Amino acid sequence: MGSVATQPASRAGFTVIGTASRPETKEWALQHGADHIIDHTRPFRPQLEALGFGYVDAILRLNATDKHWEQMADVIAPRA
């Protein structure tokens, strides 16, 4: 399902960080426009920092939002 959002976001010029945990789903996301992949079964922040990101500007989570809510809140850029 994420590729539905990944493709237009990538074409619009956004840096897209997809989430996946299996090699085949990581490859799928990359083939459909993701610039980077993090593993949704591991903490987000260290993975994003390893990619050079302190925060992200926007998050579109299409499933298990409640499961990842705290991690998403931790990595979303604060708004002034």
PDB file of N, CA and C in Angstrom:
ATOM      1  N   MET A   1       0.812  -1.197   0.000  1.00  0.00           N
ATOM      2  CA  MET A   1       0.000   0.000   0.000  1.00  0.00           C
ATOM      3  C   MET A   1       0.856   1.262   0.000  1.00  0.00           C
ATOM      4  N   GLY A   2       1.997   1.217   0.679  1.00  0.00           N
ATOM      5  CA  GLY A   2       2.836   2.396   0.761  1.00  0.00           C
ATOM      6  C   GLY A   2       3.321   2.899  -0.591  1.00  0.00           C
ATOM      7  N   SER A   3       3.460   1.993  -1.556  1.00  0.00           N
ATOM      8  CA  SER A   3       3.937   2.418  -2.867  1.00  0.00           C
ATOM      9  C   SER A   3       2.945   3.357  -3.548  1.00  0.00           C
ATOM     10  N   VAL A   4       1.687   3.310  -3.136  1.00  0.00           N
ATOM     11  CA  VAL A   4       0.691   4.219  -3.686  1.00  0.00           C
ATOM     12  C   VAL A   4       1.058   5.662  -3.328  1.00  0.00           C
ATOM     13  N   ALA A   5       1.602   5.879  -2.146  1.00  0.00           N
ATOM     14  CA  ALA A   5       2.015   7.219  -1.726  1.00  0.00           C
ATOM     15  C   ALA A   5       3.465   7.503  -2.094  1.00  0.00           C
ATOM     16  N   THR A   6       4.301   6.480  -2.111  1.00  0.00           N
ATOM     17  CA  THR A   6       5.722   6.661  -2.393  1.00  0.00           C
ATOM     18  C   THR A   6       5.943   7.203  -3.798  1.00  0.00           C
ATOM     19  N   GLN A   7       5.260   6.659  -4.759  1.00  0.00           N
ATOM     20  CA  GLN A   7       5.471   7.055  -6.146  1.00  0.00           C
ATOM     21  C   GLN A   7       5.177   8.533  -6.390  1.00  0.00           C
ATOM     22  N   PRO A   8       4.005   9.043  -6.022  1.00  0.00           N
ATOM     23  CA  PRO A   8       3.768  10.464  -6.278  1.00  0.00           C
ATOM     24  C   PRO A   8       4.647  11.378  -5.421  1.00  0.00           C
ATOM     25  N   ALA A   9       4.948  10.969  -4.199  1.00  0.00           N
ATOM     26  CA  ALA A   9       5.814  11.799  -3.345  1.00  0.00           C
ATOM     27  C   ALA A   9       7.205  11.905  -3.958  1.00  0.00           C
ATOM     28  N   SER A  10       7.705  10.812  -4.457  1.00  0.00           N
ATOM     29  CA  SER A  10       9.019  10.808  -5.094  1.00  0.00           C
ATOM     30  C   SER A  10       9.017  11.682  -6.345  1.00  0.00           C
ATOM     31  N   ARG A  11       7.992  11.537  -7.147  1.00  0.00           N
ATOM     32  CA  ARG A  11       7.898  12.334  -8.383  1.00  0.00           C
ATOM     33  C   ARG A  11       7.731  13.824  -8.098  1.00  0.00           C
ATOM     34  N   ALA A  12       7.178  14.141  -6.927  1.00  0.00           N
ATOM     35  CA  ALA A  12       6.984  15.547  -6.552  1.00  0.00           C
ATOM     36  C   ALA A  12       8.251  16.160  -5.951  1.00  0.00           C
ATOM     37  N   GLY A  13       9.298  15.354  -5.805  1.00  0.00           N
ATOM     38  CA  GLY A  13      10.566  15.876  -5.325  1.00  0.00           C
ATOM     39  C   GLY A  13      10.846  15.682  -3.850  1.00  0.00           C
ATOM     40  N   PHE A  14       9.971  14.980  -3.141  1.00  0.00           N
ATOM     41  CA  PHE A  14      10.211  14.710  -1.732  1.00  0.00           C
ATOM     42  C   PHE A  14      11.284  13.638  -1.565  1.00  0.00           C
ATOM     43  N   THR A  15      12.041  13.718  -0.494  1.00  0.00           N
ATOM     44  CA  THR A  15      12.907  12.611  -0.096  1.00  0.00           C
ATOM     45  C   THR A  15      12.009  11.640   0.654  1.00  0.00           C
ATOM     46  N   VAL A  16      11.899  10.426   0.148  1.00  0.00           N
ATOM     47  CA  VAL A  16      10.976   9.446   0.705  1.00  0.00           C
ATOM     48  C   VAL A  16      11.764   8.400   1.493  1.00  0.00           C
ATOM     49  N   ILE A  17      11.377   8.242   2.757  1.00  0.00           N
ATOM     50  CA  ILE A  17      11.961   7.216   3.617  1.00  0.00           C
ATOM     51  C   ILE A  17      10.867   6.199   3.880  1.00  0.00           C
ATOM     52  N   GLY A  18      10.994   5.045   3.269  1.00  0.00           N
ATOM     53  CA  GLY A  18      10.004   3.994   3.444  1.00  0.00           C
ATOM     54  C   GLY A  18      10.339   3.122   4.634  1.00  0.00           C
ATOM     55  N   THR A  19       9.382   2.308   5.043  1.00  0.00           N
ATOM     56  CA  THR A  19       9.624   1.337   6.105  1.00  0.00           C
ATOM     57  C   THR A  19       9.343  -0.054   5.569  1.00  0.00           C
ATOM     58  N   ALA A  20      10.195  -0.977   5.951  1.00  0.00           N
ATOM     59  CA  ALA A  20      10.037  -2.367   5.558  1.00  0.00           C
ATOM     60  C   ALA A  20      10.941  -3.204   6.455  1.00  0.00           C
ATOM     61  N   SER A  21      10.645  -4.478   6.570  1.00  0.00           N
ATOM     62  CA  SER A  21      11.469  -5.339   7.421  1.00  0.00           C
ATOM     63  C   SER A  21      12.041  -6.545   6.683  1.00  0.00           C
ATOM     64  N   ARG A  22      11.486  -6.875   5.540  1.00  0.00           N
ATOM     65  CA  ARG A  22      11.970  -8.034   4.778  1.00  0.00           C
ATOM     66  C   ARG A  22      12.703  -7.564   3.529  1.00  0.00           C
ATOM     67  N   PRO A  23      13.698  -8.305   3.092  1.00  0.00           N
ATOM     68  CA  PRO A  23      14.454  -7.900   1.902  1.00  0.00           C
ATOM     69  C   PRO A  23      13.572  -7.633   0.683  1.00  0.00           C
ATOM     70  N   GLU A  24      12.568  -8.462   0.465  1.00  0.00           N
ATOM     71  CA  GLU A  24      11.723  -8.282  -0.719  1.00  0.00           C
ATOM     72  C   GLU A  24      10.851  -7.033  -0.613  1.00  0.00           C
ATOM     73  N   THR A  25      10.408  -6.674   0.591  1.00  0.00           N
ATOM     74  CA  THR A  25       9.605  -5.460   0.718  1.00  0.00           C
ATOM     75  C   THR A  25      10.487  -4.216   0.697  1.00  0.00           C
ATOM     76  N   LYS A  26      11.710  -4.340   1.173  1.00  0.00           N
ATOM     77  CA  LYS A  26      12.660  -3.224   1.053  1.00  0.00           C
ATOM     78  C   LYS A  26      12.928  -2.936  -0.422  1.00  0.00           C
ATOM     79  N   GLU A  27      13.182  -3.979  -1.186  1.00  0.00           N
ATOM     80  CA  GLU A  27      13.450  -3.819  -2.616  1.00  0.00           C
ATOM     81  C   GLU A  27      12.236  -3.244  -3.338  1.00  0.00           C
ATOM     82  N   TRP A  28      11.048  -3.716  -2.988  1.00  0.00           N
ATOM     83  CA  TRP A  28       9.803  -3.211  -3.584  1.00  0.00           C
ATOM     84  C   TRP A  28       9.688  -1.702  -3.363  1.00  0.00           C
ATOM     85  N   ALA A  29       9.918  -1.266  -2.119  1.00  0.00           N
ATOM     86  CA  ALA A  29       9.805   0.164  -1.801  1.00  0.00           C
ATOM     87  C   ALA A  29      10.828   0.983  -2.586  1.00  0.00           C
ATOM     88  N   LEU A  30      12.041   0.491  -2.680  1.00  0.00           N
ATOM     89  CA  LEU A  30      13.069   1.210  -3.441  1.00  0.00           C
ATOM     90  C   LEU A  30      12.709   1.288  -4.921  1.00  0.00           C
ATOM     91  N   GLN A  31      12.182   0.211  -5.463  1.00  0.00           N
ATOM     92  CA  GLN A  31      11.787   0.196  -6.872  1.00  0.00           C
ATOM     93  C   GLN A  31      10.625   1.145  -7.154  1.00  0.00           C
ATOM     94  N   HIS A  32       9.852   1.466  -6.128  1.00  0.00           N
ATOM     95  CA  HIS A  32       8.685   2.328  -6.307  1.00  0.00           C
ATOM     96  C   HIS A  32       8.916   3.750  -5.806  1.00  0.00           C
ATOM     97  N   GLY A  33      10.188   4.130  -5.658  1.00  0.00           N
ATOM     98  CA  GLY A  33      10.482   5.534  -5.412  1.00  0.00           C
ATOM     99  C   GLY A  33      11.045   5.914  -4.062  1.00  0.00           C
ATOM    100  N   ALA A  34      11.144   4.986  -3.121  1.00  0.00           N
ATOM    101  CA  ALA A  34      11.734   5.343  -1.829  1.00  0.00           C
ATOM    102  C   ALA A  34      13.222   5.628  -2.015  1.00  0.00           C
ATOM    103  N   ASP A  35      13.695   6.662  -1.347  1.00  0.00           N
ATOM    104  CA  ASP A  35      15.118   7.001  -1.386  1.00  0.00           C
ATOM    105  C   ASP A  35      15.897   6.217  -0.338  1.00  0.00           C
ATOM    106  N   HIS A  36      15.247   5.942   0.772  1.00  0.00           N
ATOM    107  CA  HIS A  36      15.851   5.230   1.892  1.00  0.00           C
ATOM    108  C   HIS A  36      14.803   4.302   2.493  1.00  0.00           C
ATOM    109  N   ILE A  37      15.274   3.308   3.234  1.00  0.00           N
ATOM    110  CA  ILE A  37      14.382   2.390   3.931  1.00  0.00           C
ATOM    111  C   ILE A  37      14.853   2.261   5.371  1.00  0.00           C
ATOM    112  N   ILE A  38      13.909   2.319   6.308  1.00  0.00           N
ATOM    113  CA  ILE A  38      14.208   1.944   7.682  1.00  0.00           C
ATOM    114  C   ILE A  38      13.336   0.746   8.035  1.00  0.00           C
ATOM    115  N   ASP A  39      13.776  -0.001   9.017  1.00  0.00           N
ATOM    116  CA  ASP A  39      13.069  -1.205   9.454  1.00  0.00           C
ATOM    117  C   ASP A  39      12.057  -0.802  10.521  1.00  0.00           C
ATOM    118  N   HIS A  40      10.785  -0.996  10.243  1.00  0.00           N
ATOM    119  CA  HIS A  40       9.738  -0.594  11.181  1.00  0.00           C
ATOM    120  C   HIS A  40       9.683  -1.454  12.431  1.00  0.00           C
ATOM    121  N   THR A  41      10.463  -2.532  12.488  1.00  0.00           N
ATOM    122  CA  THR A  41      10.498  -3.369  13.695  1.00  0.00           C
ATOM    123  C   THR A  41      11.603  -2.921  14.660  1.00  0.00           C
ATOM    124  N   ARG A  42      12.381  -1.929  14.261  1.00  0.00           N
ATOM    125  CA  ARG A  42      13.460  -1.407  15.100  1.00  0.00           C
ATOM    126  C   ARG A  42      13.207   0.066  15.387  1.00  0.00           C
ATOM    127  N   PRO A  43      13.846   0.627  16.419  1.00  0.00           N
ATOM    128  CA  PRO A  43      13.645   2.047  16.723  1.00  0.00           C
ATOM    129  C   PRO A  43      13.977   2.939  15.526  1.00  0.00           C
ATOM    130  N   PHE A  44      13.105   3.913  15.287  1.00  0.00           N
ATOM    131  CA  PHE A  44      13.248   4.788  14.131  1.00  0.00           C
ATOM    132  C   PHE A  44      14.432   5.746  14.237  1.00  0.00           C
ATOM    133  N   ARG A  45      14.560   6.433  15.387  1.00  0.00           N
ATOM    134  CA  ARG A  45      15.545   7.509  15.521  1.00  0.00           C
ATOM    135  C   ARG A  45      16.960   7.073  15.151  1.00  0.00           C
ATOM    136  N   PRO A  46      17.510   5.989  15.710  1.00  0.00           N
ATOM    137  CA  PRO A  46      18.890   5.635  15.347  1.00  0.00           C
ATOM    138  C   PRO A  46      19.060   5.347  13.854  1.00  0.00           C
ATOM    139  N   GLN A  47      18.044   4.778  13.240  1.00  0.00           N
ATOM    140  CA  GLN A  47      18.121   4.485  11.805  1.00  0.00           C
ATOM    141  C   GLN A  47      18.114   5.771  10.985  1.00  0.00           C
ATOM    142  N   LEU A  48      17.253   6.699  11.370  1.00  0.00           N
ATOM    143  CA  LEU A  48      17.206   7.979  10.666  1.00  0.00           C
ATOM    144  C   LEU A  48      18.508   8.755  10.847  1.00  0.00           C
ATOM    145  N   GLU A  49      19.033   8.747  12.060  1.00  0.00           N
ATOM    146  CA  GLU A  49      20.294   9.442  12.307  1.00  0.00           C
ATOM    147  C   GLU A  49      21.432   8.817  11.501  1.00  0.00           C
ATOM    148  N   ALA A  50      21.422   7.495  11.360  1.00  0.00           N
ATOM    149  CA  ALA A  50      22.451   6.822  10.552  1.00  0.00           C
ATOM    150  C   ALA A  50      22.366   7.252   9.088  1.00  0.00           C
ATOM    151  N   LEU A  51      21.172   7.654   8.654  1.00  0.00           N
ATOM    152  CA  LEU A  51      20.979   8.150   7.282  1.00  0.00           C
ATOM    153  C   LEU A  51      21.273   9.641   7.163  1.00  0.00           C
ATOM    154  N   GLY A  52      21.537  10.288   8.310  1.00  0.00           N
ATOM    155  CA  GLY A  52      21.837  11.717   8.293  1.00  0.00           C
ATOM    156  C   GLY A  52      20.648  12.620   8.577  1.00  0.00           C
ATOM    157  N   PHE A  53      19.557  12.064   9.056  1.00  0.00           N
ATOM    158  CA  PHE A  53      18.360  12.842   9.355  1.00  0.00           C
ATOM    159  C   PHE A  53      18.174  12.970  10.863  1.00  0.00           C
ATOM    160  N   GLY A  54      18.010  14.208  11.343  1.00  0.00           N
ATOM    161  CA  GLY A  54      17.682  14.420  12.743  1.00  0.00           C
ATOM    162  C   GLY A  54      16.184  14.311  12.961  1.00  0.00           C
ATOM    163  N   TYR A  55      15.452  14.863  12.017  1.00  0.00           N
ATOM    164  CA  TYR A  55      13.992  14.849  12.044  1.00  0.00           C
ATOM    165  C   TYR A  55      13.481  14.672  10.616  1.00  0.00           C
ATOM    166  N   VAL A  56      12.201  14.362  10.504  1.00  0.00           N
ATOM    167  CA  VAL A  56      11.528  14.350   9.206  1.00  0.00           C
ATOM    168  C   VAL A  56      10.432  15.401   9.242  1.00  0.00           C
ATOM    169  N   ASP A  57      10.102  15.961   8.101  1.00  0.00           N
ATOM    170  CA  ASP A  57       9.113  17.036   8.031  1.00  0.00           C
ATOM    171  C   ASP A  57       7.671  16.532   8.029  1.00  0.00           C
ATOM    172  N   ALA A  58       7.458  15.341   7.530  1.00  0.00           N
ATOM    173  CA  ALA A  58       6.100  14.804   7.435  1.00  0.00           C
ATOM    174  C   ALA A  58       6.158  13.289   7.519  1.00  0.00           C
ATOM    175  N   ILE A  59       5.083  12.715   8.002  1.00  0.00           N
ATOM    176  CA  ILE A  59       4.971  11.254   8.095  1.00  0.00           C
ATOM    177  C   ILE A  59       3.600  10.857   7.571  1.00  0.00           C
ATOM    178  N   LEU A  60       3.578   9.873   6.704  1.00  0.00           N
ATOM    179  CA  LEU A  60       2.330   9.256   6.265  1.00  0.00           C
ATOM    180  C   LEU A  60       2.423   7.790   6.643  1.00  0.00           C
ATOM    181  N   ARG A  61       1.699   7.407   7.638  1.00  0.00           N
ATOM    182  CA  ARG A  61       1.704   6.025   8.111  1.00  0.00           C
ATOM    183  C   ARG A  61       0.364   5.430   7.741  1.00  0.00           C
ATOM    184  N   LEU A  62       0.355   4.381   6.939  1.00  0.00           N
ATOM    185  CA  LEU A  62      -0.893   3.837   6.426  1.00  0.00           C
ATOM    186  C   LEU A  62      -1.422   2.641   7.203  1.00  0.00           C
ATOM    187  N   ASN A  63      -0.645   2.120   8.124  1.00  0.00           N
ATOM    188  CA  ASN A  63      -1.152   1.030   8.961  1.00  0.00           C
ATOM    189  C   ASN A  63      -0.396   1.017  10.291  1.00  0.00           C
ATOM    190  N   ALA A  64      -0.972   0.412  11.285  1.00  0.00           N
ATOM    191  CA  ALA A  64      -0.384   0.263  12.622  1.00  0.00           C
ATOM    192  C   ALA A  64       0.087   1.594  13.211  1.00  0.00           C
ATOM    193  N   THR A  65      -0.672   2.651  12.939  1.00  0.00           N
ATOM    194  CA  THR A  65      -0.289   3.973  13.424  1.00  0.00           C
ATOM    195  C   THR A  65      -0.144   3.994  14.937  1.00  0.00           C
ATOM    196  N   ASP A  66      -1.088   3.380  15.639  1.00  0.00           N
ATOM    197  CA  ASP A  66      -1.024   3.389  17.102  1.00  0.00           C
ATOM    198  C   ASP A  66       0.220   2.684  17.621  1.00  0.00           C
ATOM    199  N   LYS A  67       0.660   1.666  16.936  1.00  0.00           N
ATOM    200  CA  LYS A  67       1.855   0.919  17.351  1.00  0.00           C
ATOM    201  C   LYS A  67       3.119   1.780  17.246  1.00  0.00           C
ATOM    202  N   HIS A  68       3.165   2.703  16.293  1.00  0.00           N
ATOM    203  CA  HIS A  68       4.367   3.502  16.033  1.00  0.00           C
ATOM    204  C   HIS A  68       4.218   4.976  16.443  1.00  0.00           C
ATOM    205  N   TRP A  69       3.104   5.314  17.093  1.00  0.00           N
ATOM    206  CA  TRP A  69       2.798   6.706  17.400  1.00  0.00           C
ATOM    207  C   TRP A  69       3.924   7.411  18.155  1.00  0.00           C
ATOM    208  N   GLU A  70       4.419   6.812  19.223  1.00  0.00           N
ATOM    209  CA  GLU A  70       5.470   7.460  20.027  1.00  0.00           C
ATOM    210  C   GLU A  70       6.745   7.670  19.224  1.00  0.00           C
ATOM    211  N   GLN A  71       7.122   6.695  18.425  1.00  0.00           N
ATOM    212  CA  GLN A  71       8.320   6.843  17.608  1.00  0.00           C
ATOM    213  C   GLN A  71       8.143   7.925  16.551  1.00  0.00           C
ATOM    214  N   MET A  72       6.951   8.003  15.971  1.00  0.00           N
ATOM    215  CA  MET A  72       6.691   9.042  14.985  1.00  0.00           C
ATOM    216  C   MET A  72       6.760  10.418  15.640  1.00  0.00           C
ATOM    217  N   ALA A  73       6.185  10.556  16.823  1.00  0.00           N
ATOM    218  CA  ALA A  73       6.219  11.825  17.539  1.00  0.00           C
ATOM    219  C   ALA A  73       7.661  12.228  17.864  1.00  0.00           C
ATOM    220  N   ASP A  74       8.501  11.244  18.111  1.00  0.00           N
ATOM    221  CA  ASP A  74       9.905  11.519  18.440  1.00  0.00           C
ATOM    222  C   ASP A  74      10.702  12.043  17.251  1.00  0.00           C
ATOM    223  N   VAL A  75      10.351  11.643  16.043  1.00  0.00           N
ATOM    224  CA  VAL A  75      11.173  11.992  14.888  1.00  0.00           C
ATOM    225  C   VAL A  75      10.577  13.072  13.983  1.00  0.00           C
ATOM    226  N   ILE A  76       9.335  13.478  14.240  1.00  0.00           N
ATOM    227  CA  ILE A  76       8.746  14.519  13.406  1.00  0.00           C
ATOM    228  C   ILE A  76       9.320  15.884  13.824  1.00  0.00           C
ATOM    229  N   ALA A  77       9.649  16.705  12.853  1.00  0.00           N
ATOM    230  CA  ALA A  77      10.234  18.017  13.133  1.00  0.00           C
ATOM    231  C   ALA A  77       9.220  18.879  13.882  1.00  0.00           C
ATOM    232  N   PRO A  78       9.675  19.569  14.923  1.00  0.00           N
ATOM    233  CA  PRO A  78       8.768  20.466  15.646  1.00  0.00           C
ATOM    234  C   PRO A  78       8.345  21.634  14.761  1.00  0.00           C
ATOM    235  N   ARG A  79       7.134  22.087  14.941  1.00  0.00           N
ATOM    236  CA  ARG A  79       6.606  23.233  14.194  1.00  0.00           C
ATOM    237  C   ARG A  79       6.603  24.440  15.116  1.00  0.00           C
ATOM    238  N   ALA A  80       6.983  25.576  14.564  1.00  0.00           N
ATOM    239  CA  ALA A  80       7.010  26.809  15.371  1.00  0.00           C
ATOM    240  C   ALA A  80       5.673  27.489  15.346  1.00  0.00           C
TER     241      ALA A  80
END
